[in-house]
N, C-alpha and C. Protein backbone atom coordinates (compact mmCIF):
# COMPACT_ATOMS: atom_id res chain seq x y z
N UNK A 1 65.86 151.76 33.73
CA UNK A 1 65.61 151.14 35.00
C UNK A 1 66.92 151.05 35.77
N UNK A 2 66.87 151.37 37.04
CA UNK A 2 68.04 151.34 37.90
C UNK A 2 68.40 149.92 38.27
N UNK A 3 69.66 149.71 38.56
CA UNK A 3 70.14 148.41 39.02
C UNK A 3 69.49 148.10 40.37
N UNK A 4 69.02 146.85 40.55
CA UNK A 4 68.40 146.43 41.79
C UNK A 4 69.30 145.41 42.49
N UNK A 5 69.63 145.69 43.73
CA UNK A 5 70.43 144.77 44.53
C UNK A 5 69.52 143.71 45.14
N UNK A 6 70.14 142.68 45.73
CA UNK A 6 69.36 141.60 46.35
C UNK A 6 68.36 142.14 47.36
N UNK A 7 68.78 143.06 48.18
CA UNK A 7 67.90 143.63 49.20
C UNK A 7 66.68 144.31 48.60
N UNK A 8 66.84 144.89 47.41
CA UNK A 8 65.71 145.54 46.72
C UNK A 8 64.70 144.52 46.22
N UNK A 9 65.15 143.30 46.00
CA UNK A 9 64.31 142.25 45.43
C UNK A 9 63.72 141.31 46.48
N UNK A 10 63.96 141.61 47.75
CA UNK A 10 63.48 140.70 48.79
C UNK A 10 62.01 140.97 49.09
N UNK A 11 61.17 140.18 48.50
CA UNK A 11 59.74 140.17 48.78
C UNK A 11 59.37 138.71 48.92
N UNK A 12 58.96 138.29 50.10
CA UNK A 12 58.81 136.88 50.42
C UNK A 12 57.33 136.51 50.62
N UNK A 13 56.92 135.41 50.00
CA UNK A 13 55.63 134.78 50.29
C UNK A 13 55.99 133.49 51.00
N UNK A 14 55.66 133.42 52.29
CA UNK A 14 56.06 132.25 53.06
C UNK A 14 54.92 131.82 53.97
N UNK A 15 54.73 130.53 54.09
CA UNK A 15 53.69 129.99 54.95
C UNK A 15 52.29 130.27 54.41
N UNK A 16 51.32 129.59 54.98
CA UNK A 16 49.92 129.77 54.58
C UNK A 16 49.08 130.01 55.82
N UNK A 17 48.29 131.06 55.79
CA UNK A 17 47.35 131.25 56.89
C UNK A 17 45.94 130.88 56.44
N UNK A 18 45.66 130.97 55.14
CA UNK A 18 44.34 130.61 54.61
C UNK A 18 44.45 130.15 53.17
N UNK A 19 43.57 129.22 52.82
CA UNK A 19 43.42 128.77 51.44
C UNK A 19 41.97 129.03 51.08
N UNK A 20 41.76 130.05 50.25
CA UNK A 20 40.41 130.48 49.88
C UNK A 20 39.96 129.78 48.60
N UNK A 21 38.68 129.44 48.55
CA UNK A 21 38.09 128.79 47.38
C UNK A 21 36.95 129.64 46.85
N UNK A 22 36.95 129.88 45.54
CA UNK A 22 35.85 130.56 44.85
C UNK A 22 35.20 129.52 43.93
N UNK A 23 33.98 129.11 44.28
CA UNK A 23 33.28 128.11 43.44
C UNK A 23 33.15 128.65 42.02
N UNK A 24 33.48 127.83 41.03
CA UNK A 24 33.36 128.22 39.63
C UNK A 24 34.58 128.94 39.09
N UNK A 25 35.37 129.54 39.94
CA UNK A 25 36.56 130.25 39.48
C UNK A 25 36.47 131.74 39.76
N UNK A 26 37.50 132.44 39.38
CA UNK A 26 37.59 133.89 39.56
C UNK A 26 37.49 134.53 38.19
N UNK A 27 36.58 135.48 38.02
CA UNK A 27 36.42 136.15 36.73
C UNK A 27 37.36 137.33 36.56
N UNK A 28 37.60 138.05 37.66
CA UNK A 28 38.35 139.30 37.57
C UNK A 28 39.25 139.44 38.79
N UNK A 29 40.56 139.51 38.57
CA UNK A 29 41.49 139.63 39.68
C UNK A 29 41.32 140.95 40.44
N UNK A 30 40.70 141.95 39.83
CA UNK A 30 40.50 143.23 40.51
C UNK A 30 39.31 143.18 41.47
N UNK A 31 38.49 142.13 41.38
CA UNK A 31 37.31 142.02 42.23
C UNK A 31 37.03 140.54 42.50
N UNK A 32 37.69 139.99 43.52
CA UNK A 32 37.57 138.56 43.83
C UNK A 32 36.65 138.34 45.03
N UNK A 33 35.78 137.34 44.91
CA UNK A 33 34.92 136.94 46.02
C UNK A 33 35.12 135.44 46.25
N UNK A 34 35.47 135.09 47.48
CA UNK A 34 35.70 133.69 47.81
C UNK A 34 34.53 133.16 48.63
N UNK A 35 34.25 131.86 48.49
CA UNK A 35 33.15 131.20 49.19
C UNK A 35 33.58 130.56 50.50
N UNK A 36 34.81 130.08 50.57
CA UNK A 36 35.27 129.35 51.74
C UNK A 36 36.71 129.67 52.08
N UNK A 37 37.00 129.60 53.35
CA UNK A 37 38.37 129.49 53.84
C UNK A 37 38.53 128.00 54.12
N UNK A 38 39.03 127.27 53.13
CA UNK A 38 39.03 125.80 53.14
C UNK A 38 39.95 125.24 54.23
N UNK A 39 39.43 124.32 55.05
CA UNK A 39 40.32 123.66 56.01
C UNK A 39 41.20 122.64 55.27
N UNK A 40 42.50 122.84 55.33
CA UNK A 40 43.43 121.95 54.64
C UNK A 40 44.47 121.49 55.65
N UNK A 41 44.74 120.20 55.66
CA UNK A 41 45.72 119.62 56.56
C UNK A 41 47.11 120.20 56.29
N UNK A 42 47.83 120.53 57.36
CA UNK A 42 49.17 121.10 57.25
C UNK A 42 50.06 120.17 56.41
N UNK A 43 50.83 120.77 55.54
CA UNK A 43 51.81 120.08 54.68
C UNK A 43 51.19 119.16 53.63
N UNK A 44 49.88 119.31 53.34
CA UNK A 44 49.31 118.52 52.24
C UNK A 44 49.02 119.38 51.02
N UNK A 45 49.05 120.71 51.16
CA UNK A 45 48.80 121.57 50.00
C UNK A 45 50.05 121.65 49.15
N UNK A 46 49.90 121.39 47.84
CA UNK A 46 51.01 121.48 46.90
C UNK A 46 50.54 122.17 45.62
N UNK A 47 51.35 123.09 45.15
CA UNK A 47 51.14 123.72 43.84
C UNK A 47 52.50 123.68 43.15
N UNK A 48 52.61 122.86 42.11
CA UNK A 48 53.89 122.71 41.42
C UNK A 48 53.70 122.73 39.91
N UNK A 49 54.71 123.22 39.24
CA UNK A 49 54.79 123.11 37.80
C UNK A 49 56.12 122.46 37.48
N UNK A 50 56.05 121.34 36.75
CA UNK A 50 57.27 120.62 36.40
C UNK A 50 58.13 121.47 35.47
N UNK A 51 59.39 121.11 35.40
CA UNK A 51 60.31 121.79 34.49
C UNK A 51 59.84 121.59 33.06
N UNK A 52 60.09 122.56 32.19
CA UNK A 52 59.67 122.39 30.79
C UNK A 52 60.47 121.28 30.10
N UNK A 53 59.86 120.68 29.10
CA UNK A 53 60.56 119.71 28.26
C UNK A 53 61.25 120.50 27.15
N UNK A 54 62.57 120.41 27.11
CA UNK A 54 63.34 121.14 26.10
C UNK A 54 63.51 120.28 24.85
N UNK A 55 63.23 120.89 23.71
CA UNK A 55 63.41 120.23 22.42
C UNK A 55 64.59 120.93 21.74
N UNK A 56 65.71 120.24 21.70
CA UNK A 56 66.95 120.84 21.20
C UNK A 56 67.19 120.42 19.75
N UNK A 57 67.58 121.38 18.92
CA UNK A 57 67.97 121.09 17.55
C UNK A 57 69.47 121.25 17.44
N UNK A 58 70.14 120.19 17.02
CA UNK A 58 71.60 120.20 16.86
C UNK A 58 71.95 120.28 15.38
N UNK A 59 73.07 120.93 15.10
CA UNK A 59 73.57 121.05 13.74
C UNK A 59 74.99 120.51 13.72
N UNK A 60 75.33 119.72 12.70
CA UNK A 60 76.69 119.17 12.59
C UNK A 60 77.72 120.30 12.62
N UNK A 61 78.75 120.09 13.41
CA UNK A 61 79.85 121.04 13.48
C UNK A 61 79.71 122.07 14.59
N UNK A 62 78.55 122.11 15.27
CA UNK A 62 78.37 123.06 16.36
C UNK A 62 78.14 122.30 17.66
N UNK A 63 78.78 122.75 18.72
CA UNK A 63 78.59 122.13 20.03
C UNK A 63 77.32 122.64 20.70
N UNK A 64 77.03 123.90 20.54
CA UNK A 64 75.85 124.51 21.16
C UNK A 64 74.60 124.15 20.35
N UNK A 65 73.46 124.26 20.98
CA UNK A 65 72.19 124.01 20.28
C UNK A 65 71.99 125.05 19.19
N UNK A 66 71.46 124.62 18.05
CA UNK A 66 71.10 125.53 16.96
C UNK A 66 69.91 126.38 17.40
N UNK A 67 68.93 125.72 18.01
CA UNK A 67 67.81 126.42 18.62
C UNK A 67 67.17 125.49 19.66
N UNK A 68 66.42 126.08 20.54
CA UNK A 68 65.74 125.32 21.60
C UNK A 68 64.30 125.79 21.66
N UNK A 69 63.38 124.83 21.67
CA UNK A 69 61.97 125.13 21.93
C UNK A 69 61.59 124.36 23.18
N UNK A 70 60.45 124.68 23.74
CA UNK A 70 60.06 124.02 24.99
C UNK A 70 58.56 123.84 25.07
N UNK A 71 58.19 122.77 25.78
CA UNK A 71 56.79 122.56 26.15
C UNK A 71 56.71 122.76 27.65
N UNK A 72 55.72 123.54 28.08
CA UNK A 72 55.57 123.83 29.50
C UNK A 72 55.37 122.55 30.30
N UNK A 73 55.87 122.54 31.51
CA UNK A 73 55.70 121.38 32.39
C UNK A 73 54.29 121.33 32.94
N UNK A 74 53.87 120.13 33.35
CA UNK A 74 52.53 119.95 33.89
C UNK A 74 52.37 120.66 35.22
N UNK A 75 51.20 121.22 35.44
CA UNK A 75 50.86 121.88 36.70
C UNK A 75 50.02 120.92 37.52
N UNK A 76 50.37 120.76 38.79
CA UNK A 76 49.60 119.89 39.68
C UNK A 76 49.29 120.64 40.96
N UNK A 77 48.04 120.55 41.38
CA UNK A 77 47.59 121.15 42.62
C UNK A 77 46.93 120.05 43.43
N UNK A 78 47.30 119.94 44.71
CA UNK A 78 46.68 118.91 45.55
C UNK A 78 46.60 119.40 46.99
N UNK A 79 45.64 118.84 47.73
CA UNK A 79 45.45 119.18 49.14
C UNK A 79 44.58 118.11 49.78
N UNK A 80 44.63 118.05 51.10
CA UNK A 80 43.75 117.16 51.86
C UNK A 80 42.85 118.01 52.73
N UNK A 81 41.54 117.79 52.61
CA UNK A 81 40.54 118.52 53.39
C UNK A 81 39.96 117.55 54.42
N UNK A 82 40.28 117.76 55.72
CA UNK A 82 39.85 116.82 56.75
C UNK A 82 38.48 117.18 57.32
N UNK A 83 37.44 117.14 56.48
CA UNK A 83 36.10 117.53 56.93
C UNK A 83 35.04 116.78 56.14
N UNK A 84 33.92 116.47 56.82
CA UNK A 84 32.77 115.91 56.14
C UNK A 84 31.57 116.84 56.32
N UNK A 85 31.84 118.15 56.45
CA UNK A 85 30.78 119.14 56.54
C UNK A 85 29.88 119.01 55.31
N UNK A 86 28.57 119.07 55.52
CA UNK A 86 27.60 118.84 54.43
C UNK A 86 27.79 119.82 53.27
N UNK A 87 28.14 121.08 53.54
CA UNK A 87 28.37 122.04 52.45
C UNK A 87 29.52 121.60 51.56
N UNK A 88 30.61 121.15 52.19
CA UNK A 88 31.76 120.68 51.42
C UNK A 88 31.45 119.40 50.66
N UNK A 89 30.83 118.43 51.34
CA UNK A 89 30.53 117.15 50.69
C UNK A 89 29.56 117.35 49.53
N UNK A 90 28.55 118.21 49.71
CA UNK A 90 27.62 118.52 48.61
C UNK A 90 28.39 119.08 47.40
N UNK A 91 29.35 119.95 47.66
CA UNK A 91 30.12 120.54 46.57
C UNK A 91 31.03 119.49 45.92
N UNK A 92 31.69 118.69 46.74
CA UNK A 92 32.63 117.70 46.20
C UNK A 92 31.94 116.57 45.44
N UNK A 93 30.81 116.07 45.96
CA UNK A 93 30.16 114.89 45.38
C UNK A 93 28.85 115.17 44.66
N UNK A 94 28.35 116.38 44.75
CA UNK A 94 27.04 116.70 44.17
C UNK A 94 26.00 116.63 45.27
N UNK A 95 24.85 117.21 45.02
CA UNK A 95 23.79 117.27 46.03
C UNK A 95 23.43 115.88 46.53
N UNK A 96 23.38 115.75 47.82
CA UNK A 96 23.03 114.46 48.42
C UNK A 96 21.53 114.35 48.65
N UNK A 97 21.10 113.17 49.05
CA UNK A 97 19.71 112.91 49.39
C UNK A 97 19.57 112.93 50.90
N UNK A 98 18.70 113.80 51.40
CA UNK A 98 18.54 113.95 52.84
C UNK A 98 17.90 112.70 53.45
N UNK A 99 18.42 112.31 54.58
CA UNK A 99 17.85 111.22 55.37
C UNK A 99 17.56 111.82 56.75
N UNK A 100 16.28 112.03 57.02
CA UNK A 100 15.89 112.73 58.25
C UNK A 100 15.94 111.85 59.49
N UNK A 101 15.60 110.57 59.33
CA UNK A 101 15.52 109.72 60.50
C UNK A 101 15.92 108.30 60.13
N UNK A 102 17.19 107.98 60.34
CA UNK A 102 17.67 106.63 60.05
C UNK A 102 17.84 105.88 61.36
N UNK A 103 17.50 104.63 61.35
CA UNK A 103 17.68 103.80 62.53
C UNK A 103 18.87 102.88 62.30
N UNK A 104 19.78 102.87 63.24
CA UNK A 104 20.96 102.03 63.16
C UNK A 104 20.94 101.09 64.36
N UNK A 105 20.96 99.81 64.09
CA UNK A 105 20.98 98.83 65.18
C UNK A 105 22.31 98.12 65.15
N UNK A 106 23.04 98.22 66.24
CA UNK A 106 24.34 97.57 66.33
C UNK A 106 24.62 97.26 67.80
N UNK A 107 25.14 96.10 68.05
CA UNK A 107 25.52 95.67 69.40
C UNK A 107 24.41 95.90 70.41
N UNK A 108 23.21 95.53 70.03
CA UNK A 108 22.04 95.61 70.91
C UNK A 108 21.64 97.03 71.30
N UNK A 109 22.13 98.06 70.55
CA UNK A 109 21.73 99.44 70.84
C UNK A 109 21.11 100.04 69.58
N UNK A 110 19.94 100.59 69.69
CA UNK A 110 19.27 101.23 68.56
C UNK A 110 19.21 102.73 68.82
N UNK A 111 19.69 103.50 67.86
CA UNK A 111 19.65 104.96 67.99
C UNK A 111 19.21 105.57 66.68
N UNK A 112 18.75 106.82 66.73
CA UNK A 112 18.33 107.54 65.52
C UNK A 112 19.46 108.40 64.97
N UNK A 113 19.47 108.53 63.65
CA UNK A 113 20.51 109.28 62.97
C UNK A 113 19.89 110.11 61.86
N UNK A 114 20.59 111.15 61.40
CA UNK A 114 20.17 111.93 60.23
C UNK A 114 21.40 112.33 59.45
N UNK A 115 21.22 112.62 58.18
CA UNK A 115 22.34 113.03 57.33
C UNK A 115 21.96 113.03 55.88
N UNK A 116 22.92 112.73 55.00
CA UNK A 116 22.69 112.71 53.55
C UNK A 116 23.42 111.51 52.96
N UNK A 117 22.85 110.98 51.88
CA UNK A 117 23.52 109.92 51.13
C UNK A 117 23.99 110.50 49.79
N UNK A 118 25.07 109.92 49.25
CA UNK A 118 25.68 110.44 48.03
C UNK A 118 26.05 109.29 47.11
N UNK A 119 26.26 109.61 45.85
CA UNK A 119 26.81 108.67 44.89
C UNK A 119 28.26 109.07 44.64
N UNK A 120 29.18 108.13 44.82
CA UNK A 120 30.58 108.42 44.57
C UNK A 120 30.81 108.51 43.07
N UNK A 121 31.23 109.67 42.61
CA UNK A 121 31.49 109.90 41.19
C UNK A 121 32.74 110.76 41.05
N UNK A 122 33.21 110.90 39.83
CA UNK A 122 34.32 111.81 39.52
C UNK A 122 33.75 113.13 39.04
N UNK A 123 33.30 113.96 39.96
CA UNK A 123 32.78 115.28 39.60
C UNK A 123 33.94 116.22 39.32
N UNK A 124 33.94 116.84 38.14
CA UNK A 124 34.94 117.86 37.85
C UNK A 124 34.42 119.17 38.40
N UNK A 125 35.21 119.78 39.26
CA UNK A 125 34.85 121.06 39.86
C UNK A 125 35.77 122.13 39.31
N UNK A 126 35.25 123.31 39.13
CA UNK A 126 36.08 124.45 38.76
C UNK A 126 36.10 125.40 39.94
N UNK A 127 37.30 125.75 40.38
CA UNK A 127 37.45 126.65 41.51
C UNK A 127 38.50 127.69 41.21
N UNK A 128 38.35 128.84 41.85
CA UNK A 128 39.41 129.82 41.93
C UNK A 128 40.10 129.60 43.26
N UNK A 129 41.37 129.91 43.33
CA UNK A 129 42.14 129.62 44.53
C UNK A 129 42.84 130.89 45.00
N UNK A 130 42.77 131.15 46.29
CA UNK A 130 43.50 132.26 46.89
C UNK A 130 44.36 131.73 48.02
N UNK A 131 45.63 132.04 47.98
CA UNK A 131 46.58 131.61 49.01
C UNK A 131 47.04 132.83 49.77
N UNK A 132 46.69 132.91 51.04
CA UNK A 132 47.07 134.04 51.88
C UNK A 132 48.31 133.66 52.68
N UNK A 133 49.33 134.49 52.60
CA UNK A 133 50.59 134.21 53.29
C UNK A 133 50.40 134.17 54.80
N UNK A 134 51.37 133.58 55.47
CA UNK A 134 51.31 133.42 56.92
C UNK A 134 51.15 134.75 57.64
N UNK A 135 51.79 135.80 57.13
CA UNK A 135 51.69 137.11 57.78
C UNK A 135 50.47 137.90 57.33
N UNK A 136 49.70 137.36 56.37
CA UNK A 136 48.48 138.02 55.90
C UNK A 136 48.72 139.22 54.99
N UNK A 137 49.96 139.42 54.53
CA UNK A 137 50.29 140.58 53.72
C UNK A 137 50.37 140.31 52.23
N UNK A 138 50.39 139.05 51.82
CA UNK A 138 50.50 138.70 50.40
C UNK A 138 49.45 137.66 50.04
N UNK A 139 48.91 137.80 48.83
CA UNK A 139 47.91 136.87 48.32
C UNK A 139 48.32 136.45 46.92
N UNK A 140 48.37 135.14 46.69
CA UNK A 140 48.55 134.59 45.35
C UNK A 140 47.22 133.97 44.98
N UNK A 141 46.67 134.33 43.82
CA UNK A 141 45.39 133.78 43.40
C UNK A 141 45.51 133.19 42.00
N UNK A 142 44.78 132.10 41.79
CA UNK A 142 44.73 131.43 40.50
C UNK A 142 43.29 131.45 40.03
N UNK A 143 43.06 131.89 38.79
CA UNK A 143 41.71 132.11 38.28
C UNK A 143 40.83 130.87 38.27
N UNK A 144 41.33 129.80 37.66
CA UNK A 144 40.43 128.67 37.44
C UNK A 144 41.22 127.37 37.42
N UNK A 145 40.84 126.47 38.30
CA UNK A 145 41.48 125.17 38.40
C UNK A 145 40.43 124.09 38.19
N UNK A 146 40.75 123.10 37.36
CA UNK A 146 39.90 121.91 37.23
C UNK A 146 40.33 120.98 38.36
N UNK A 147 39.36 120.60 39.20
CA UNK A 147 39.68 119.90 40.44
C UNK A 147 38.78 118.69 40.62
N UNK A 148 39.34 117.63 41.19
CA UNK A 148 38.58 116.43 41.53
C UNK A 148 38.76 116.15 43.02
N UNK A 149 37.67 115.75 43.67
CA UNK A 149 37.71 115.41 45.09
C UNK A 149 37.43 113.92 45.25
N UNK A 150 38.28 113.24 45.99
CA UNK A 150 38.07 111.82 46.26
C UNK A 150 38.09 111.58 47.76
N UNK A 151 37.17 110.75 48.26
CA UNK A 151 37.14 110.46 49.69
C UNK A 151 38.42 109.75 50.14
N UNK A 152 38.84 110.05 51.36
CA UNK A 152 40.07 109.47 51.87
C UNK A 152 39.93 109.25 53.37
N UNK A 153 40.22 108.02 53.80
CA UNK A 153 40.20 107.69 55.23
C UNK A 153 41.33 106.71 55.50
N UNK A 154 42.53 107.24 55.69
CA UNK A 154 43.71 106.45 55.98
C UNK A 154 44.06 106.68 57.45
N UNK A 155 44.76 105.76 58.04
CA UNK A 155 45.21 105.93 59.42
C UNK A 155 44.06 106.37 60.32
N UNK A 156 43.06 105.52 60.42
CA UNK A 156 41.81 105.86 61.12
C UNK A 156 42.03 106.30 62.56
N UNK A 157 43.08 105.87 63.21
CA UNK A 157 43.29 106.26 64.61
C UNK A 157 43.92 107.64 64.74
N UNK A 158 44.47 108.19 63.63
CA UNK A 158 45.14 109.49 63.74
C UNK A 158 44.66 110.55 62.76
N UNK A 159 43.92 110.15 61.73
CA UNK A 159 43.54 111.10 60.69
C UNK A 159 42.04 111.04 60.43
N UNK A 160 41.35 112.19 60.43
CA UNK A 160 39.91 112.17 60.19
C UNK A 160 39.55 111.84 58.74
N UNK A 161 38.32 111.38 58.56
CA UNK A 161 37.79 111.15 57.21
C UNK A 161 37.78 112.49 56.50
N UNK A 162 38.17 112.49 55.24
CA UNK A 162 38.20 113.74 54.49
C UNK A 162 38.24 113.48 53.00
N UNK A 163 38.74 114.46 52.27
CA UNK A 163 38.80 114.40 50.81
C UNK A 163 40.17 114.84 50.34
N UNK A 164 40.67 114.12 49.33
CA UNK A 164 41.89 114.53 48.66
C UNK A 164 41.48 115.30 47.41
N UNK A 165 42.00 116.49 47.27
CA UNK A 165 41.72 117.33 46.10
C UNK A 165 42.93 117.27 45.17
N UNK A 166 42.68 117.02 43.89
CA UNK A 166 43.75 116.96 42.89
C UNK A 166 43.27 117.67 41.64
N UNK A 167 44.14 118.51 41.07
CA UNK A 167 43.72 119.21 39.87
C UNK A 167 44.86 119.89 39.15
N UNK A 168 44.47 120.70 38.16
CA UNK A 168 45.43 121.42 37.34
C UNK A 168 44.74 122.62 36.71
N UNK A 169 45.54 123.53 36.18
CA UNK A 169 44.99 124.64 35.41
C UNK A 169 44.67 124.10 34.03
N UNK A 170 43.47 124.37 33.57
CA UNK A 170 42.98 123.84 32.29
C UNK A 170 42.84 124.99 31.31
N UNK A 171 43.26 124.79 30.07
CA UNK A 171 43.13 125.83 29.06
C UNK A 171 41.66 126.19 28.88
N UNK A 172 41.40 127.48 28.69
CA UNK A 172 40.03 127.94 28.47
C UNK A 172 40.05 129.06 27.45
N UNK A 173 38.89 129.64 27.18
CA UNK A 173 38.81 130.73 26.23
C UNK A 173 39.65 131.92 26.69
N UNK A 174 39.75 132.10 28.01
CA UNK A 174 40.56 133.18 28.58
C UNK A 174 41.71 132.56 29.36
N UNK A 175 42.73 132.10 28.65
CA UNK A 175 43.87 131.45 29.31
C UNK A 175 44.98 132.43 29.66
N UNK A 176 44.71 133.72 29.52
CA UNK A 176 45.72 134.71 29.87
C UNK A 176 45.52 135.17 31.30
N UNK A 177 46.57 135.66 31.89
CA UNK A 177 46.53 136.18 33.24
C UNK A 177 45.80 135.23 34.18
N UNK A 178 46.35 134.03 34.36
CA UNK A 178 45.68 133.06 35.22
C UNK A 178 46.24 133.00 36.64
N UNK A 179 47.25 133.82 36.95
CA UNK A 179 47.78 133.87 38.32
C UNK A 179 48.09 135.33 38.64
N UNK A 180 47.88 135.71 39.90
CA UNK A 180 48.15 137.09 40.31
C UNK A 180 48.89 137.06 41.65
N UNK A 181 49.80 138.01 41.84
CA UNK A 181 50.55 138.18 43.07
C UNK A 181 50.18 139.56 43.62
N UNK A 182 49.50 139.58 44.78
CA UNK A 182 49.04 140.84 45.37
C UNK A 182 49.67 141.05 46.74
N UNK A 183 49.85 142.31 47.09
CA UNK A 183 50.33 142.69 48.42
C UNK A 183 49.37 143.70 49.01
N UNK A 184 49.25 143.66 50.34
CA UNK A 184 48.39 144.61 51.05
C UNK A 184 48.90 146.02 50.80
N UNK A 185 47.97 146.90 50.51
CA UNK A 185 48.35 148.31 50.24
C UNK A 185 48.59 149.05 51.54
């Protein structure tokens, strides 16, 4: 292999133009199908892996480690989805119960409403994730993430009602090749 200079190694994934979700996960990186281009609030998406925990073995008379082993750092994925679209809420909380005609009486005004009711639970969701770079030329995809969605309504005058997504990569029968880096051909 030839020596590679810095310029040869400059391949940048920067910014996000889309965050794709595949319900259930991705089976094959060579053939990915996504269900949603998820609306995510700017600067709330995070994908991090902590530094590994190093286990050092010392031997009397030596300054350097005799050997070093490591445990991988925890992986955390989080995002804020500022939407109460019924498709998203059904996925996050489970199928809701349709309410076709609700009457709401408040401040001497009665109006009709429709929607769905839900039970707040900790539903574990499995999703595949696709991150499309700002220029649309690079895609990073993760096969399967265990994810939880929790309702969030903070700063009511400036932030819409939405959901906070939090999760991690979970070991499975196929724990190999769980991330891919692709570029447009």
